[in-house]
Amino acid sequence: MSNGSSGADENIKRAAYGALLLLKDNLPENCKLSIQDVDEIVIHALRRHGEHLATHAINQSHLDPFKLLCWLGCAIVERLEMGESFHQHERVIDSLLMTLEQILVLETKFEIRVLPADKELIKRLLMEEIKGNRNHGIGFNGLFIAFHCFRSANEQIKSISTN
């Protein structure tokens, strides 16, 4: 931990564990994650996040909570067994959408909420992707960009209204 990036890496890990705790609070009571599960989920999410930054040549100045939560949600969903019923997947997606909206509401100072119909559409698209119907779904990158655009649109509206 002698170089500057180690301190930054530790801050990113702490943020990831904090984000996962927020997400866990929104998970149904019957969805339990062991300490080992938590560690594996955080490692998986941070690895994918790093790959994402490298792929898109992003020089990150801060950790985006929407992106981090999407990677954490993806890591949880990927641990679930695929079967005839996708009930568990739907519950995790519901919890993830709730958590993302909580962050959106806080970041926009309670100015932006996601309409129930929009949440339902996002959920249906995510579920199609999870079920392997990629032509009619969006993945976790799509989920991230949806919330990123909600935030961005709010910033644009605020900047127009102040000018």
N, C-alpha and C. Protein backbone atom coordinates (compact mmCIF):
# COMPACT_ATOMS: atom_id res chain seq x y z
N MET A 1 0.82 -1.20 0.00
CA MET A 1 0.00 0.00 0.00
C MET A 1 0.86 1.25 0.00
N SER A 2 2.01 1.17 -0.60
CA SER A 2 2.89 2.31 -0.58
C SER A 2 2.57 3.33 -1.66
N ASN A 3 1.96 2.91 -2.76
CA ASN A 3 1.65 3.89 -3.80
C ASN A 3 0.25 4.47 -3.61
N GLY A 4 -0.01 5.57 -4.30
CA GLY A 4 -1.27 6.28 -4.15
C GLY A 4 -2.47 5.48 -4.61
N SER A 5 -2.29 4.61 -5.58
CA SER A 5 -3.44 3.88 -6.11
C SER A 5 -3.97 2.86 -5.11
N SER A 6 -3.12 2.38 -4.20
CA SER A 6 -3.59 1.41 -3.20
C SER A 6 -4.62 2.04 -2.28
N GLY A 7 -4.41 3.30 -1.90
CA GLY A 7 -5.39 4.00 -1.08
C GLY A 7 -6.69 4.17 -1.84
N ALA A 8 -6.58 4.50 -3.12
CA ALA A 8 -7.78 4.64 -3.96
C ALA A 8 -8.48 3.30 -4.10
N ASP A 9 -7.70 2.24 -4.28
CA ASP A 9 -8.29 0.90 -4.38
C ASP A 9 -9.05 0.54 -3.11
N GLU A 10 -8.50 0.88 -1.96
CA GLU A 10 -9.17 0.60 -0.69
C GLU A 10 -10.47 1.39 -0.59
N ASN A 11 -10.46 2.63 -1.04
CA ASN A 11 -11.69 3.44 -1.02
C ASN A 11 -12.75 2.85 -1.94
N ILE A 12 -12.33 2.33 -3.09
CA ILE A 12 -13.26 1.71 -4.02
C ILE A 12 -13.85 0.45 -3.39
N LYS A 13 -13.01 -0.35 -2.73
CA LYS A 13 -13.52 -1.55 -2.05
C LYS A 13 -14.53 -1.18 -0.98
N ARG A 14 -14.20 -0.16 -0.18
CA ARG A 14 -15.13 0.27 0.87
C ARG A 14 -16.45 0.73 0.26
N ALA A 15 -16.38 1.49 -0.83
CA ALA A 15 -17.60 1.95 -1.50
C ALA A 15 -18.40 0.76 -2.00
N ALA A 16 -17.72 -0.24 -2.55
CA ALA A 16 -18.41 -1.43 -3.07
C ALA A 16 -19.13 -2.17 -1.94
N TYR A 17 -18.45 -2.35 -0.81
CA TYR A 17 -19.10 -3.02 0.31
C TYR A 17 -20.27 -2.20 0.84
N GLY A 18 -20.11 -0.87 0.87
CA GLY A 18 -21.20 -0.01 1.32
C GLY A 18 -22.40 -0.08 0.39
N ALA A 19 -22.14 -0.07 -0.91
CA ALA A 19 -23.22 -0.16 -1.90
C ALA A 19 -23.93 -1.50 -1.78
N LEU A 20 -23.16 -2.57 -1.56
CA LEU A 20 -23.78 -3.88 -1.42
C LEU A 20 -24.64 -3.95 -0.16
N LEU A 21 -24.21 -3.30 0.91
CA LEU A 21 -25.03 -3.26 2.13
C LEU A 21 -26.35 -2.56 1.87
N LEU A 22 -26.31 -1.47 1.11
CA LEU A 22 -27.54 -0.76 0.76
C LEU A 22 -28.45 -1.67 -0.06
N LEU A 23 -27.88 -2.35 -1.04
CA LEU A 23 -28.65 -3.28 -1.86
C LEU A 23 -29.21 -4.42 -1.02
N LYS A 24 -28.38 -4.97 -0.13
CA LYS A 24 -28.84 -6.07 0.74
C LYS A 24 -30.02 -5.66 1.60
N ASP A 25 -30.04 -4.39 2.04
CA ASP A 25 -31.16 -3.91 2.85
C ASP A 25 -32.48 -3.95 2.09
N ASN A 26 -32.40 -3.87 0.77
CA ASN A 26 -33.61 -3.90 -0.06
C ASN A 26 -33.98 -5.29 -0.56
N LEU A 27 -33.10 -6.26 -0.34
CA LEU A 27 -33.40 -7.63 -0.76
C LEU A 27 -34.46 -8.23 0.15
N PRO A 28 -35.26 -9.15 -0.37
CA PRO A 28 -36.24 -9.82 0.48
C PRO A 28 -35.55 -10.55 1.62
N GLU A 29 -36.27 -10.71 2.73
CA GLU A 29 -35.69 -11.35 3.91
C GLU A 29 -35.17 -12.75 3.64
N ASN A 30 -35.80 -13.45 2.71
CA ASN A 30 -35.38 -14.83 2.45
C ASN A 30 -34.15 -14.91 1.54
N CYS A 31 -33.64 -13.77 1.11
CA CYS A 31 -32.44 -13.74 0.25
C CYS A 31 -31.24 -13.43 1.15
N LYS A 32 -30.58 -14.46 1.60
CA LYS A 32 -29.45 -14.32 2.52
C LYS A 32 -28.15 -14.44 1.75
N LEU A 33 -27.19 -13.61 2.11
CA LEU A 33 -25.85 -13.68 1.52
C LEU A 33 -24.86 -13.92 2.65
N SER A 34 -24.07 -14.97 2.51
CA SER A 34 -23.05 -15.25 3.51
C SER A 34 -21.90 -14.27 3.35
N ILE A 35 -21.01 -14.23 4.32
CA ILE A 35 -19.82 -13.37 4.23
C ILE A 35 -19.01 -13.75 3.00
N GLN A 36 -18.88 -15.04 2.73
CA GLN A 36 -18.14 -15.48 1.54
C GLN A 36 -18.85 -15.00 0.28
N ASP A 37 -20.18 -15.11 0.25
CA ASP A 37 -20.95 -14.61 -0.91
C ASP A 37 -20.69 -13.12 -1.12
N VAL A 38 -20.74 -12.35 -0.04
CA VAL A 38 -20.53 -10.91 -0.12
C VAL A 38 -19.16 -10.62 -0.71
N ASP A 39 -18.13 -11.28 -0.19
CA ASP A 39 -16.78 -11.06 -0.70
C ASP A 39 -16.68 -11.41 -2.18
N GLU A 40 -17.24 -12.54 -2.57
CA GLU A 40 -17.18 -12.97 -3.97
C GLU A 40 -17.95 -12.02 -4.88
N ILE A 41 -19.08 -11.53 -4.42
CA ILE A 41 -19.89 -10.59 -5.20
C ILE A 41 -19.13 -9.29 -5.41
N VAL A 42 -18.52 -8.77 -4.35
CA VAL A 42 -17.76 -7.52 -4.47
C VAL A 42 -16.56 -7.71 -5.40
N ILE A 43 -15.83 -8.80 -5.25
CA ILE A 43 -14.68 -9.06 -6.12
C ILE A 43 -15.12 -9.16 -7.58
N HIS A 44 -16.19 -9.90 -7.82
CA HIS A 44 -16.72 -10.07 -9.18
C HIS A 44 -17.13 -8.71 -9.77
N ALA A 45 -17.85 -7.94 -8.98
CA ALA A 45 -18.33 -6.64 -9.46
C ALA A 45 -17.16 -5.70 -9.75
N LEU A 46 -16.17 -5.66 -8.88
CA LEU A 46 -15.03 -4.77 -9.10
C LEU A 46 -14.19 -5.22 -10.29
N ARG A 47 -14.08 -6.52 -10.49
CA ARG A 47 -13.35 -7.03 -11.65
C ARG A 47 -14.05 -6.60 -12.94
N ARG A 48 -15.36 -6.78 -12.98
CA ARG A 48 -16.12 -6.38 -14.18
C ARG A 48 -16.07 -4.87 -14.38
N HIS A 49 -16.10 -4.13 -13.29
CA HIS A 49 -16.03 -2.68 -13.37
C HIS A 49 -14.68 -2.26 -13.97
N GLY A 50 -13.61 -2.88 -13.51
CA GLY A 50 -12.29 -2.58 -14.06
C GLY A 50 -12.19 -2.92 -15.53
N GLU A 51 -12.76 -4.06 -15.92
CA GLU A 51 -12.77 -4.45 -17.34
C GLU A 51 -13.57 -3.45 -18.18
N HIS A 52 -14.67 -2.98 -17.62
CA HIS A 52 -15.51 -2.00 -18.30
C HIS A 52 -14.72 -0.70 -18.54
N LEU A 53 -14.03 -0.23 -17.50
CA LEU A 53 -13.24 1.00 -17.63
C LEU A 53 -12.15 0.83 -18.68
N ALA A 54 -11.50 -0.33 -18.67
CA ALA A 54 -10.42 -0.57 -19.63
C ALA A 54 -10.97 -0.68 -21.06
N THR A 55 -12.07 -1.38 -21.23
CA THR A 55 -12.66 -1.56 -22.56
C THR A 55 -13.04 -0.23 -23.19
N HIS A 56 -13.60 0.65 -22.39
CA HIS A 56 -14.10 1.92 -22.91
C HIS A 56 -13.12 3.07 -22.70
N ALA A 57 -11.89 2.75 -22.27
CA ALA A 57 -10.83 3.75 -22.04
C ALA A 57 -11.36 4.92 -21.20
N ILE A 58 -12.00 4.58 -20.10
CA ILE A 58 -12.57 5.59 -19.21
C ILE A 58 -11.55 5.91 -18.13
N ASN A 59 -11.23 7.18 -17.99
CA ASN A 59 -10.37 7.63 -16.90
C ASN A 59 -11.30 8.08 -15.78
N GLN A 60 -11.47 7.23 -14.82
CA GLN A 60 -12.46 7.44 -13.77
C GLN A 60 -11.96 8.43 -12.73
N SER A 61 -12.72 9.50 -12.51
CA SER A 61 -12.36 10.46 -11.46
C SER A 61 -13.13 10.18 -10.17
N HIS A 62 -14.22 9.44 -10.29
CA HIS A 62 -15.01 9.04 -9.12
C HIS A 62 -15.74 7.74 -9.45
N LEU A 63 -16.16 7.06 -8.44
CA LEU A 63 -16.88 5.80 -8.62
C LEU A 63 -18.36 6.11 -8.80
N ASP A 64 -18.91 5.71 -9.92
CA ASP A 64 -20.32 5.97 -10.20
C ASP A 64 -21.18 4.96 -9.45
N PRO A 65 -22.05 5.43 -8.54
CA PRO A 65 -22.85 4.49 -7.76
C PRO A 65 -23.81 3.66 -8.61
N PHE A 66 -24.32 4.23 -9.70
CA PHE A 66 -25.22 3.46 -10.55
C PHE A 66 -24.48 2.30 -11.20
N LYS A 67 -23.30 2.58 -11.73
CA LYS A 67 -22.52 1.53 -12.38
C LYS A 67 -22.14 0.45 -11.37
N LEU A 68 -21.67 0.88 -10.20
CA LEU A 68 -21.28 -0.07 -9.16
C LEU A 68 -22.46 -0.94 -8.73
N LEU A 69 -23.61 -0.33 -8.49
CA LEU A 69 -24.78 -1.11 -8.08
C LEU A 69 -25.22 -2.08 -9.16
N CYS A 70 -25.13 -1.66 -10.42
CA CYS A 70 -25.50 -2.57 -11.51
C CYS A 70 -24.57 -3.77 -11.55
N TRP A 71 -23.27 -3.56 -11.38
CA TRP A 71 -22.33 -4.68 -11.37
C TRP A 71 -22.58 -5.60 -10.17
N LEU A 72 -22.91 -5.00 -9.01
CA LEU A 72 -23.21 -5.83 -7.84
C LEU A 72 -24.48 -6.64 -8.06
N GLY A 73 -25.51 -6.00 -8.60
CA GLY A 73 -26.76 -6.72 -8.90
C GLY A 73 -26.53 -7.83 -9.90
N CYS A 74 -25.72 -7.55 -10.91
CA CYS A 74 -25.38 -8.56 -11.92
C CYS A 74 -24.68 -9.75 -11.26
N ALA A 75 -23.76 -9.47 -10.36
CA ALA A 75 -23.03 -10.55 -9.68
C ALA A 75 -23.97 -11.41 -8.84
N ILE A 76 -24.96 -10.79 -8.21
CA ILE A 76 -25.94 -11.56 -7.43
C ILE A 76 -26.80 -12.41 -8.35
N VAL A 77 -27.31 -11.80 -9.40
CA VAL A 77 -28.19 -12.53 -10.34
C VAL A 77 -27.45 -13.71 -10.96
N GLU A 78 -26.19 -13.52 -11.32
CA GLU A 78 -25.43 -14.61 -11.95
C GLU A 78 -25.23 -15.79 -11.01
N ARG A 79 -25.36 -15.58 -9.71
CA ARG A 79 -25.21 -16.66 -8.73
C ARG A 79 -26.49 -17.48 -8.58
N LEU A 80 -27.59 -16.96 -9.08
CA LEU A 80 -28.88 -17.65 -8.93
C LEU A 80 -28.99 -18.76 -9.97
N GLU A 81 -29.66 -19.83 -9.57
CA GLU A 81 -29.86 -20.94 -10.49
C GLU A 81 -30.93 -20.58 -11.52
N MET A 82 -30.66 -20.98 -12.75
CA MET A 82 -31.65 -20.80 -13.80
C MET A 82 -32.60 -21.98 -13.74
N GLY A 83 -33.86 -21.71 -13.84
CA GLY A 83 -34.85 -22.78 -13.79
C GLY A 83 -36.10 -22.37 -14.51
N GLU A 84 -37.16 -23.09 -14.23
CA GLU A 84 -38.44 -22.75 -14.86
C GLU A 84 -38.99 -21.45 -14.29
N SER A 85 -38.73 -21.22 -13.02
CA SER A 85 -39.21 -20.00 -12.37
C SER A 85 -38.05 -19.02 -12.23
N PHE A 86 -38.32 -17.79 -12.52
CA PHE A 86 -37.32 -16.74 -12.36
C PHE A 86 -37.71 -15.81 -11.22
N HIS A 87 -38.45 -16.35 -10.24
CA HIS A 87 -38.95 -15.56 -9.13
C HIS A 87 -37.81 -14.88 -8.36
N GLN A 88 -36.75 -15.63 -8.05
CA GLN A 88 -35.63 -15.04 -7.32
C GLN A 88 -34.98 -13.92 -8.12
N HIS A 89 -34.82 -14.14 -9.40
CA HIS A 89 -34.22 -13.13 -10.26
C HIS A 89 -35.06 -11.85 -10.22
N GLU A 90 -36.38 -12.01 -10.31
CA GLU A 90 -37.27 -10.86 -10.28
C GLU A 90 -37.17 -10.11 -8.96
N ARG A 91 -37.05 -10.83 -7.85
CA ARG A 91 -36.94 -10.17 -6.55
C ARG A 91 -35.64 -9.39 -6.45
N VAL A 92 -34.55 -9.96 -6.96
CA VAL A 92 -33.27 -9.24 -6.93
C VAL A 92 -33.35 -8.00 -7.82
N ILE A 93 -33.95 -8.14 -9.00
CA ILE A 93 -34.11 -7.00 -9.91
C ILE A 93 -34.97 -5.92 -9.25
N ASP A 94 -36.07 -6.31 -8.60
CA ASP A 94 -36.90 -5.33 -7.89
C ASP A 94 -36.07 -4.58 -6.85
N SER A 95 -35.26 -5.31 -6.10
CA SER A 95 -34.43 -4.70 -5.06
C SER A 95 -33.38 -3.78 -5.67
N LEU A 96 -32.80 -4.22 -6.76
CA LEU A 96 -31.79 -3.40 -7.44
C LEU A 96 -32.41 -2.11 -7.97
N LEU A 97 -33.58 -2.22 -8.60
CA LEU A 97 -34.26 -1.02 -9.10
C LEU A 97 -34.62 -0.07 -7.96
N MET A 98 -35.05 -0.61 -6.84
CA MET A 98 -35.37 0.21 -5.68
C MET A 98 -34.12 0.95 -5.19
N THR A 99 -33.01 0.24 -5.12
CA THR A 99 -31.76 0.83 -4.64
C THR A 99 -31.26 1.91 -5.61
N LEU A 100 -31.31 1.61 -6.90
CA LEU A 100 -30.89 2.60 -7.89
C LEU A 100 -31.76 3.86 -7.81
N GLU A 101 -33.06 3.66 -7.63
CA GLU A 101 -33.94 4.82 -7.51
C GLU A 101 -33.64 5.62 -6.25
N GLN A 102 -33.33 4.94 -5.15
CA GLN A 102 -32.97 5.66 -3.93
C GLN A 102 -31.77 6.57 -4.16
N ILE A 103 -30.77 6.05 -4.86
CA ILE A 103 -29.58 6.86 -5.16
C ILE A 103 -29.96 8.02 -6.09
N LEU A 104 -30.78 7.74 -7.09
CA LEU A 104 -31.22 8.79 -8.02
C LEU A 104 -31.95 9.91 -7.27
N VAL A 105 -32.84 9.53 -6.39
CA VAL A 105 -33.61 10.51 -5.63
C VAL A 105 -32.66 11.36 -4.77
N LEU A 106 -31.70 10.73 -4.13
CA LEU A 106 -30.75 11.47 -3.30
C LEU A 106 -29.86 12.39 -4.15
N GLU A 107 -29.35 11.87 -5.26
CA GLU A 107 -28.46 12.66 -6.11
C GLU A 107 -29.17 13.83 -6.75
N THR A 108 -30.46 13.71 -7.01
CA THR A 108 -31.20 14.79 -7.66
C THR A 108 -31.99 15.61 -6.65
N LYS A 109 -31.68 15.43 -5.39
CA LYS A 109 -32.35 16.18 -4.31
C LYS A 109 -33.87 16.05 -4.41
N PHE A 110 -34.32 14.82 -4.62
CA PHE A 110 -35.74 14.47 -4.64
C PHE A 110 -36.49 15.04 -5.84
N GLU A 111 -35.75 15.43 -6.89
CA GLU A 111 -36.40 16.00 -8.08
C GLU A 111 -36.81 14.93 -9.09
N ILE A 112 -36.15 13.80 -9.10
CA ILE A 112 -36.42 12.76 -10.10
C ILE A 112 -36.81 11.47 -9.40
N ARG A 113 -37.92 10.91 -9.84
CA ARG A 113 -38.37 9.57 -9.45
C ARG A 113 -38.64 8.81 -10.74
N VAL A 114 -38.51 7.52 -10.68
CA VAL A 114 -38.79 6.69 -11.85
C VAL A 114 -40.27 6.30 -11.79
N LEU A 115 -40.97 6.55 -12.88
CA LEU A 115 -42.39 6.20 -12.93
C LEU A 115 -42.57 4.69 -12.81
N PRO A 116 -43.62 4.25 -12.13
CA PRO A 116 -43.85 2.81 -11.99
C PRO A 116 -43.88 2.07 -13.33
N ALA A 117 -44.48 2.66 -14.34
CA ALA A 117 -44.54 2.00 -15.66
C ALA A 117 -43.13 1.86 -16.26
N ASP A 118 -42.28 2.86 -16.03
CA ASP A 118 -40.90 2.78 -16.53
C ASP A 118 -40.11 1.71 -15.79
N LYS A 119 -40.30 1.63 -14.46
CA LYS A 119 -39.63 0.59 -13.69
C LYS A 119 -40.05 -0.79 -14.17
N GLU A 120 -41.33 -0.94 -14.43
CA GLU A 120 -41.84 -2.24 -14.90
C GLU A 120 -41.25 -2.58 -16.27
N LEU A 121 -41.15 -1.61 -17.16
CA LEU A 121 -40.56 -1.85 -18.47
C LEU A 121 -39.09 -2.23 -18.35
N ILE A 122 -38.35 -1.50 -17.53
CA ILE A 122 -36.93 -1.82 -17.32
C ILE A 122 -36.80 -3.24 -16.77
N LYS A 123 -37.64 -3.58 -15.81
CA LYS A 123 -37.60 -4.92 -15.22
C LYS A 123 -37.89 -5.99 -16.28
N ARG A 124 -38.91 -5.76 -17.10
CA ARG A 124 -39.24 -6.75 -18.14
C ARG A 124 -38.09 -6.92 -19.12
N LEU A 125 -37.45 -5.83 -19.50
CA LEU A 125 -36.31 -5.91 -20.42
C LEU A 125 -35.14 -6.65 -19.79
N LEU A 126 -34.86 -6.38 -18.51
CA LEU A 126 -33.80 -7.10 -17.81
C LEU A 126 -34.11 -8.59 -17.72
N MET A 127 -35.35 -8.91 -17.41
CA MET A 127 -35.73 -10.31 -17.29
C MET A 127 -35.61 -11.04 -18.62
N GLU A 128 -35.94 -10.39 -19.72
CA GLU A 128 -35.77 -11.03 -21.03
C GLU A 128 -34.29 -11.32 -21.29
N GLU A 129 -33.44 -10.41 -20.92
CA GLU A 129 -32.00 -10.62 -21.09
C GLU A 129 -31.54 -11.81 -20.23
N ILE A 130 -31.99 -11.85 -18.99
CA ILE A 130 -31.62 -12.94 -18.08
C ILE A 130 -32.10 -14.28 -18.63
N LYS A 131 -33.28 -14.29 -19.23
CA LYS A 131 -33.84 -15.53 -19.79
C LYS A 131 -33.18 -15.92 -21.11
N GLY A 132 -32.26 -15.08 -21.61
CA GLY A 132 -31.55 -15.40 -22.84
C GLY A 132 -32.19 -14.83 -24.09
N ASN A 133 -33.21 -14.02 -23.93
CA ASN A 133 -33.90 -13.43 -25.06
C ASN A 133 -33.30 -12.05 -25.35
N ARG A 134 -32.05 -12.05 -25.80
CA ARG A 134 -31.28 -10.82 -25.97
C ARG A 134 -31.87 -9.85 -26.99
N ASN A 135 -32.63 -10.35 -27.95
CA ASN A 135 -33.24 -9.45 -28.93
C ASN A 135 -34.32 -8.56 -28.32
N HIS A 136 -34.78 -8.92 -27.15
CA HIS A 136 -35.86 -8.16 -26.52
C HIS A 136 -35.52 -7.74 -25.10
N GLY A 137 -34.22 -7.71 -24.79
CA GLY A 137 -33.82 -7.37 -23.44
C GLY A 137 -32.72 -6.34 -23.39
N ILE A 138 -32.43 -5.90 -22.18
CA ILE A 138 -31.25 -5.08 -21.92
C ILE A 138 -30.51 -5.75 -20.77
N GLY A 139 -29.22 -5.61 -20.79
CA GLY A 139 -28.41 -6.15 -19.70
C GLY A 139 -28.15 -5.08 -18.65
N PHE A 140 -27.17 -5.36 -17.83
CA PHE A 140 -26.87 -4.46 -16.73
C PHE A 140 -26.17 -3.18 -17.20
N ASN A 141 -25.50 -3.23 -18.36
CA ASN A 141 -24.99 -1.98 -18.94
C ASN A 141 -26.14 -1.08 -19.35
N GLY A 142 -27.18 -1.68 -19.93
CA GLY A 142 -28.36 -0.91 -20.31
C GLY A 142 -29.06 -0.31 -19.10
N LEU A 143 -29.10 -1.07 -18.01
CA LEU A 143 -29.69 -0.56 -16.78
C LEU A 143 -28.88 0.62 -16.27
N PHE A 144 -27.56 0.47 -16.27
CA PHE A 144 -26.70 1.58 -15.84
C PHE A 144 -26.97 2.83 -16.67
N ILE A 145 -26.98 2.68 -17.99
CA ILE A 145 -27.11 3.85 -18.84
C ILE A 145 -28.48 4.50 -18.68
N ALA A 146 -29.51 3.72 -18.38
CA ALA A 146 -30.84 4.31 -18.13
C ALA A 146 -30.78 5.26 -16.94
N PHE A 147 -30.17 4.82 -15.85
CA PHE A 147 -30.09 5.67 -14.66
C PHE A 147 -29.10 6.82 -14.86
N HIS A 148 -28.05 6.56 -15.60
CA HIS A 148 -27.11 7.63 -15.95
C HIS A 148 -27.84 8.72 -16.72
N CYS A 149 -28.69 8.33 -17.66
CA CYS A 149 -29.45 9.31 -18.47
C CYS A 149 -30.49 10.05 -17.64
N PHE A 150 -31.12 9.37 -16.67
CA PHE A 150 -32.04 10.07 -15.77
C PHE A 150 -31.30 11.21 -15.07
N ARG A 151 -30.12 10.88 -14.55
CA ARG A 151 -29.31 11.87 -13.83
C ARG A 151 -28.87 12.99 -14.77
N SER A 152 -28.39 12.62 -15.95
CA SER A 152 -27.90 13.59 -16.91
C SER A 152 -29.02 14.53 -17.38
N ALA A 153 -30.19 13.98 -17.64
CA ALA A 153 -31.32 14.81 -18.07
C ALA A 153 -31.68 15.82 -16.98
N ASN A 154 -31.65 15.39 -15.73
CA ASN A 154 -31.95 16.29 -14.64
C ASN A 154 -30.92 17.43 -14.57
N GLU A 155 -29.65 17.09 -14.75
CA GLU A 155 -28.60 18.13 -14.75
C GLU A 155 -28.80 19.11 -15.90
N GLN A 156 -29.20 18.61 -17.06
CA GLN A 156 -29.43 19.50 -18.20
C GLN A 156 -30.61 20.44 -17.94
N ILE A 157 -31.67 19.91 -17.40
CA ILE A 157 -32.84 20.72 -17.11
C ILE A 157 -32.49 21.79 -16.09
N LYS A 158 -31.74 21.43 -15.07
CA LYS A 158 -31.34 22.41 -14.06
C LYS A 158 -30.46 23.49 -14.65
N SER A 159 -29.56 23.12 -15.55
CA SER A 159 -28.66 24.11 -16.14
C SER A 159 -29.42 25.05 -17.07
N ILE A 160 -30.42 24.54 -17.78
CA ILE A 160 -31.24 25.39 -18.66
C ILE A 160 -32.09 26.35 -17.82
N SER A 161 -32.64 25.85 -16.74
CA SER A 161 -33.54 26.67 -15.92
C SER A 161 -32.79 27.74 -15.14
N THR A 162 -31.48 27.58 -14.93
CA THR A 162 -30.71 28.59 -14.21
C THR A 162 -30.11 29.63 -15.14
N ASN A 163 -30.17 29.37 -16.44
CA ASN A 163 -29.61 30.34 -17.41
C ASN A 163 -30.65 31.27 -17.96
